[in-house]
Amino acid sequence: MYQPPALRKGDRIGIVAPAGRIAKEKVIPAVKRFEDWGLKVVMGNHVFSDYNQFAGKDKDRLQDLQDMLDDSNIRAIVCARGGYGCIRILEHLDFDLFMRNPKWIVGYSDITVFHSYLNHILGVESLHSTMPVNFPGDGKETPALNSLQSSLFGQVPSYHIQPHPLNRKGVAETELVGGNLSILYSLRGTAMDVETHGKILFIEDLGEELYHLDRMLMNLKIAGKLAELSGLIVGGMTDMKEGDPSFGKSAYEIIREAVEGYSYPVVFNFPAGHIPDNRTLPMGRFLRLEVEEEGVRLKWL
């Protein structure tokens, strides 16, 4: 897996909105923060465009991202927010110039579309990370922002998190794959279908009915995707919907049940996903995962 070069002060980064629309005031704090890090920010021409729920028409969002992919002076591309829309432009993107000069693509949620394409088709790492829509307006430091800054500048932090009662102990050393579960589910049967054999899978999600969460996991299980894993990391399962009648289990209980018959390490409540403490994860990178009684350690290899 190719690792794009670390940023240095003075480098240019691009901000694009390839999916949902976003207000200018949501992006201004991020621009200031990036400049405080010593970076020069280049805005896409249509970041603040508005076409129904999208940040502009498909052709406009496509052009912004294509311009950033092609520009050798842009060292990282930060997606302003998720939502929906990345899949509508993916097949029209040309990655030829990008592959001559790979750079970091940063984001989460709907940006999982790009993580999957980069990791599984192009063999390039990417950063699952907080986005400008989440940057605090008051300029405060947060663990999520600190992890993004460190990761962009080549110092991806190791993580040590507290134990969770549903965790399963064990050790794994292999590549990290995954992202938003709903997006991974939507990519099943395509060339970007997540490859789980011998990998550590990370999943997170937002606002799903609990029965639909169970449906997605059953799809992965029946396909053999869960049996093939070397480890599972579960991030935020945020604002899950109980349904009427109730499904009867929490999101974490549903996931634990789906992997009950396997022996690999499982981590719950990892700080990543649609939560304020959304730590950066380099997708496609090898890591050592240690799950013990006293807690969980992630160390990048």
Protein backbone atom coordinates (compact mmCIF):
# COMPACT_ATOMS: atom_id res chain seq x y z
CA MET A 1 0.00 0.00 0.00
CA TYR A 2 1.48 3.35 -1.06
CA GLN A 3 1.70 5.98 1.69
CA PRO A 4 1.42 9.58 0.44
CA PRO A 5 4.18 11.87 1.73
CA ALA A 6 3.78 13.75 4.98
CA LEU A 7 2.95 17.44 4.79
CA ARG A 8 5.37 20.22 5.67
CA LYS A 9 4.68 23.79 6.67
CA GLY A 10 4.03 25.88 3.58
CA ASP A 11 2.32 23.04 1.69
CA ARG A 12 -0.96 23.65 -0.12
CA ILE A 13 -4.07 21.64 0.71
CA GLY A 14 -7.42 21.69 -1.07
CA ILE A 15 -10.90 21.75 0.43
CA VAL A 16 -13.71 20.27 -1.64
CA ALA A 17 -17.34 19.31 -1.00
CA PRO A 18 -17.96 16.13 -3.04
CA ALA A 19 -21.24 15.24 -1.35
CA GLY A 20 -23.63 17.26 0.83
CA ARG A 21 -23.95 21.05 0.79
CA ILE A 22 -22.25 23.08 3.49
CA ALA A 23 -22.49 26.68 4.69
CA LYS A 24 -19.46 28.95 4.49
CA GLU A 25 -19.48 29.64 8.23
CA LYS A 26 -18.97 25.92 8.86
CA VAL A 27 -15.71 25.92 6.89
CA ILE A 28 -14.12 29.17 8.07
CA PRO A 29 -12.88 27.71 11.41
CA ALA A 30 -11.17 24.87 9.53
CA VAL A 31 -9.44 27.26 7.13
CA LYS A 32 -8.07 29.25 10.06
CA ARG A 33 -6.96 26.09 11.84
CA PHE A 34 -5.13 24.76 8.78
CA GLU A 35 -3.42 28.13 8.34
CA ASP A 36 -2.39 28.03 12.00
CA TRP A 37 -0.74 24.68 11.20
CA GLY A 38 1.33 26.46 8.54
CA LEU A 39 -0.65 25.20 5.55
CA LYS A 40 -1.99 27.18 2.60
CA VAL A 41 -5.65 26.45 1.85
CA VAL A 42 -7.05 26.34 -1.69
CA MET A 43 -10.85 26.23 -1.90
CA GLY A 44 -12.69 24.37 -4.61
CA ASN A 45 -14.75 26.66 -6.85
CA HIS A 46 -18.06 25.05 -5.87
CA VAL A 47 -17.60 24.24 -2.17
CA PHE A 48 -20.49 26.52 -1.22
CA SER A 49 -22.73 25.74 -4.18
CA ASP A 50 -26.23 24.52 -3.46
CA TYR A 51 -28.18 22.07 -5.59
CA ASN A 52 -30.91 20.33 -3.62
CA GLN A 53 -29.08 18.39 -0.91
CA PHE A 54 -25.77 18.49 -2.76
CA ALA A 55 -22.91 20.99 -2.80
CA GLY A 56 -23.62 21.79 -6.42
CA LYS A 57 -24.48 19.65 -9.42
CA ASP A 58 -22.57 16.44 -10.03
CA LYS A 59 -20.45 18.06 -12.74
CA ASP A 60 -19.44 20.89 -10.40
CA ARG A 61 -18.46 18.64 -7.49
CA LEU A 62 -16.65 16.39 -9.95
CA GLN A 63 -14.69 19.28 -11.43
CA ASP A 64 -13.59 20.57 -8.03
CA LEU A 65 -12.25 17.19 -6.96
CA GLN A 66 -10.68 16.48 -10.36
CA ASP A 67 -8.85 19.81 -10.26
CA MET A 68 -7.40 18.96 -6.84
CA LEU A 69 -6.44 15.44 -7.92
CA ASP A 70 -4.60 16.80 -10.96
CA ASP A 71 -2.79 19.69 -9.26
CA SER A 72 0.69 18.51 -8.24
CA ASN A 73 1.01 21.50 -5.89
CA ILE A 74 -1.90 20.26 -3.74
CA ARG A 75 -0.50 17.90 -1.12
CA ALA A 76 -3.75 16.82 0.54
CA ILE A 77 -7.46 16.99 -0.27
CA VAL A 78 -9.80 17.57 2.67
CA CYS A 79 -13.48 16.84 2.18
CA ALA A 80 -15.62 19.50 3.86
CA ARG A 81 -18.35 17.08 4.92
CA GLY A 82 -20.07 13.82 4.08
CA GLY A 83 -23.78 13.38 3.47
CA TYR A 84 -24.43 11.73 0.12
CA GLY A 85 -23.03 12.20 -3.35
CA CYS A 86 -19.52 10.74 -3.68
CA ILE A 87 -20.71 7.63 -5.49
CA ARG A 88 -22.44 9.81 -8.11
CA ILE A 89 -19.12 11.27 -9.29
CA LEU A 90 -16.64 8.46 -8.64
CA GLU A 91 -16.88 6.69 -12.00
CA HIS A 92 -16.14 9.95 -13.84
CA LEU A 93 -12.96 10.79 -11.93
CA ASP A 94 -9.59 10.33 -13.61
CA PHE A 95 -6.86 9.25 -11.19
CA ASP A 96 -3.99 9.10 -13.72
CA LEU A 97 -2.27 12.30 -12.59
CA PHE A 98 -3.08 11.52 -8.96
CA MET A 99 -1.21 8.22 -9.24
CA ARG A 100 1.87 10.03 -10.53
CA ASN A 101 1.73 12.27 -7.46
CA PRO A 102 -0.40 10.59 -4.74
CA LYS A 103 -1.68 12.77 -1.92
CA TRP A 104 -3.81 12.33 1.18
CA ILE A 105 -7.58 12.30 0.83
CA VAL A 106 -9.22 13.11 4.16
CA GLY A 107 -12.73 12.53 5.53
CA TYR A 108 -15.23 9.99 6.82
CA SER A 109 -18.89 8.96 6.42
CA ASP A 110 -19.75 9.22 2.68
CA ILE A 111 -16.02 9.68 2.01
CA THR A 112 -15.76 5.93 2.67
CA VAL A 113 -16.50 5.66 -1.08
CA PHE A 114 -13.09 7.22 -1.79
CA HIS A 115 -11.32 5.26 0.95
CA SER A 116 -12.58 2.03 -0.60
CA TYR A 117 -11.52 3.04 -4.10
CA LEU A 118 -8.11 4.27 -3.02
CA ASN A 119 -7.34 1.31 -0.76
CA HIS A 120 -8.80 -1.56 -2.80
CA ILE A 121 -8.40 -0.38 -6.40
CA LEU A 122 -5.42 2.01 -6.40
CA GLY A 123 -3.45 0.69 -3.42
CA VAL A 124 -3.06 4.10 -1.78
CA GLU A 125 -3.58 4.93 1.91
CA SER A 126 -6.09 7.59 2.98
CA LEU A 127 -7.13 9.27 6.22
CA HIS A 128 -10.45 8.46 7.91
CA SER A 129 -10.75 11.63 9.92
CA THR A 130 -12.78 14.54 11.21
CA MET A 131 -13.79 17.11 8.58
CA PRO A 132 -14.25 20.91 8.46
CA VAL A 133 -17.96 20.56 9.25
CA ASN A 134 -16.88 19.22 12.67
CA PHE A 135 -14.15 21.75 13.50
CA PRO A 136 -15.04 23.70 16.67
CA GLY A 137 -16.00 27.28 15.96
CA ASP A 138 -14.28 28.52 19.12
CA GLY A 139 -10.82 27.37 18.03
CA LYS A 140 -10.41 24.89 20.88
CA GLU A 141 -7.95 22.03 20.64
CA THR A 142 -9.53 18.58 20.55
CA PRO A 143 -8.11 15.05 20.41
CA ALA A 144 -9.69 14.62 16.97
CA LEU A 145 -7.98 17.71 15.55
CA ASN A 146 -4.68 16.89 17.20
CA SER A 147 -4.74 13.41 15.68
CA LEU A 148 -5.46 14.85 12.22
CA GLN A 149 -2.64 17.37 12.49
CA SER A 150 -0.17 14.72 13.63
CA SER A 151 -1.28 12.32 10.90
CA LEU A 152 -1.00 14.87 8.09
CA PHE A 153 2.51 15.78 9.22
CA GLY A 154 3.65 12.16 9.34
CA GLN A 155 3.22 11.31 13.02
CA VAL A 156 0.11 9.13 13.24
CA PRO A 157 -0.52 8.67 16.97
CA SER A 158 -0.78 5.28 18.59
CA TYR A 159 -3.96 4.88 20.61
CA HIS A 160 -4.62 3.46 24.06
CA ILE A 161 -8.30 3.30 24.98
CA GLN A 162 -10.27 2.05 27.93
CA PRO A 163 -11.68 -1.51 28.04
CA HIS A 164 -15.28 -2.25 27.12
CA PRO A 165 -17.28 -5.17 28.59
CA LEU A 166 -18.08 -6.55 25.13
CA ASN A 167 -14.45 -6.53 23.92
CA ARG A 168 -12.83 -9.83 23.00
CA LYS A 169 -9.17 -10.23 23.87
CA GLY A 170 -6.49 -11.00 21.34
CA VAL A 171 -3.68 -9.66 19.15
CA ALA A 172 -3.59 -9.00 15.41
CA GLU A 173 -1.03 -7.47 13.06
CA THR A 174 -2.37 -6.66 9.62
CA GLU A 175 -3.92 -4.01 7.38
CA LEU A 176 -6.81 -1.77 8.42
CA VAL A 177 -9.83 -1.53 6.09
CA GLY A 178 -13.40 -0.29 6.33
CA GLY A 179 -15.22 2.91 7.23
CA ASN A 180 -18.91 3.72 7.37
CA LEU A 181 -20.89 0.48 7.50
CA SER A 182 -23.82 1.71 5.41
CA ILE A 183 -21.44 2.78 2.65
CA LEU A 184 -19.55 -0.52 2.78
CA TYR A 185 -22.89 -2.32 2.54
CA SER A 186 -23.87 -0.21 -0.48
CA LEU A 187 -20.61 -1.19 -2.23
CA ARG A 188 -21.18 -4.93 -1.86
CA GLY A 189 -21.00 -6.66 -5.24
CA THR A 190 -18.92 -3.88 -6.82
CA ALA A 191 -15.21 -3.70 -7.54
CA MET A 192 -14.89 -1.77 -4.27
CA ASP A 193 -16.48 -4.48 -2.14
CA VAL A 194 -14.49 -4.55 1.08
CA GLU A 195 -11.76 -7.21 1.13
CA THR A 196 -11.68 -8.61 4.65
CA HIS A 197 -9.54 -11.73 4.37
CA GLY A 198 -6.85 -11.47 7.02
CA LYS A 199 -7.63 -7.79 7.65
CA ILE A 200 -8.76 -5.69 10.62
CA LEU A 201 -12.14 -4.17 9.80
CA PHE A 202 -13.22 -0.81 11.21
CA ILE A 203 -16.93 0.09 11.14
CA GLU A 204 -19.05 3.01 12.36
CA ASP A 205 -22.49 4.36 11.51
CA LEU A 206 -25.14 6.99 12.16
CA GLY A 207 -28.90 7.07 12.48
CA GLU A 208 -29.75 3.55 11.29
CA GLU A 209 -32.67 1.45 12.44
CA LEU A 210 -31.30 -1.33 14.63
CA TYR A 211 -32.93 -3.99 12.46
CA HIS A 212 -31.13 -2.50 9.45
CA LEU A 213 -27.83 -2.66 11.31
CA ASP A 214 -28.55 -6.35 11.90
CA ARG A 215 -29.43 -6.80 8.22
CA MET A 216 -26.11 -5.29 7.10
CA LEU A 217 -24.14 -7.50 9.46
CA MET A 218 -26.03 -10.60 8.33
CA ASN A 219 -25.12 -9.70 4.75
CA LEU A 220 -21.43 -9.54 5.69
CA LYS A 221 -21.67 -12.72 7.73
CA ILE A 222 -23.42 -14.80 5.07
CA ALA A 223 -20.85 -13.57 2.52
CA GLY A 224 -18.04 -14.85 4.75
CA LYS A 225 -16.71 -11.34 5.31
CA LEU A 226 -16.81 -11.58 9.10
CA ALA A 227 -15.32 -15.08 9.30
CA GLU A 228 -12.26 -13.97 7.29
CA LEU A 229 -11.25 -11.14 9.63
CA SER A 230 -8.17 -10.93 11.83
CA GLY A 231 -9.79 -8.29 14.01
CA LEU A 232 -12.76 -5.93 14.32
CA ILE A 233 -12.80 -2.32 15.58
CA VAL A 234 -16.21 -0.78 16.23
CA GLY A 235 -16.43 3.00 16.47
CA GLY A 236 -19.43 5.17 17.14
CA MET A 237 -22.85 3.72 16.44
CA THR A 238 -24.52 7.08 16.87
CA ASP A 239 -28.24 7.91 17.21
CA MET A 240 -29.38 4.40 16.34
CA LYS A 241 -33.16 4.06 16.10
CA GLU A 242 -34.89 1.55 18.34
CA GLY A 243 -37.90 0.97 16.10
CA ASP A 244 -41.45 -0.01 17.01
CA PRO A 245 -41.63 -2.71 18.12
CA SER A 246 -38.21 -2.64 19.73
CA PHE A 247 -35.44 -4.78 18.20
CA GLY A 248 -34.45 -5.75 21.73
CA LYS A 249 -30.67 -5.32 21.51
CA SER A 250 -28.27 -2.38 21.46
CA ALA A 251 -26.11 -1.70 18.41
CA TYR A 252 -23.02 -3.10 20.14
CA GLU A 253 -24.94 -6.21 21.25
CA ILE A 254 -26.06 -6.80 17.66
CA ILE A 255 -22.48 -6.59 16.42
CA ARG A 256 -21.12 -8.81 19.21
CA GLU A 257 -23.72 -11.45 18.41
CA ALA A 258 -22.80 -11.36 14.70
CA VAL A 259 -19.16 -12.23 15.46
CA GLU A 260 -19.85 -14.57 18.39
CA GLY A 261 -18.59 -17.68 16.63
CA TYR A 262 -15.17 -16.30 15.74
CA SER A 263 -12.00 -15.96 17.81
CA TYR A 264 -10.30 -12.75 16.63
CA PRO A 265 -9.97 -9.65 18.85
CA VAL A 266 -12.92 -7.25 18.89
CA VAL A 267 -12.90 -3.64 20.12
CA PHE A 268 -15.99 -1.60 21.00
CA ASN A 269 -16.34 2.11 21.64
CA PHE A 270 -13.28 3.12 19.67
CA PRO A 271 -13.18 6.94 19.35
CA ALA A 272 -13.91 7.32 15.63
CA GLY A 273 -17.02 7.94 13.56
CA HIS A 274 -19.96 10.32 13.90
CA ILE A 275 -18.88 11.43 17.34
CA PRO A 276 -16.99 14.52 18.56
CA ASP A 277 -13.91 12.48 19.46
CA ASN A 278 -13.28 11.23 15.92
CA ARG A 279 -9.62 10.15 15.90
CA THR A 280 -7.74 9.81 12.65
CA LEU A 281 -7.22 6.32 11.20
CA PRO A 282 -4.92 5.76 8.19
CA MET A 283 -6.94 3.36 6.07
CA GLY A 284 -4.84 0.75 4.31
CA ARG A 285 -1.98 0.91 6.83
CA PHE A 286 -0.69 -2.05 8.82
CA LEU A 287 -1.22 -1.93 12.58
CA ARG A 288 -0.77 -4.00 15.68
CA LEU A 289 -4.00 -4.37 17.64
CA GLU A 290 -3.79 -5.57 21.24
CA VAL A 291 -7.00 -6.12 23.19
CA GLU A 292 -6.43 -6.93 26.86
CA GLU A 293 -8.36 -6.78 30.11
CA GLU A 294 -6.83 -3.44 31.01
CA GLY A 295 -7.51 -1.77 27.66
CA VAL A 296 -6.80 -1.59 23.94
CA ARG A 297 -3.67 -0.50 22.09
CA LEU A 298 -3.31 0.39 18.41
CA LYS A 299 0.21 0.84 17.09
CA TRP A 300 0.93 1.59 13.43
CA LEU A 301 3.58 -0.52 11.71
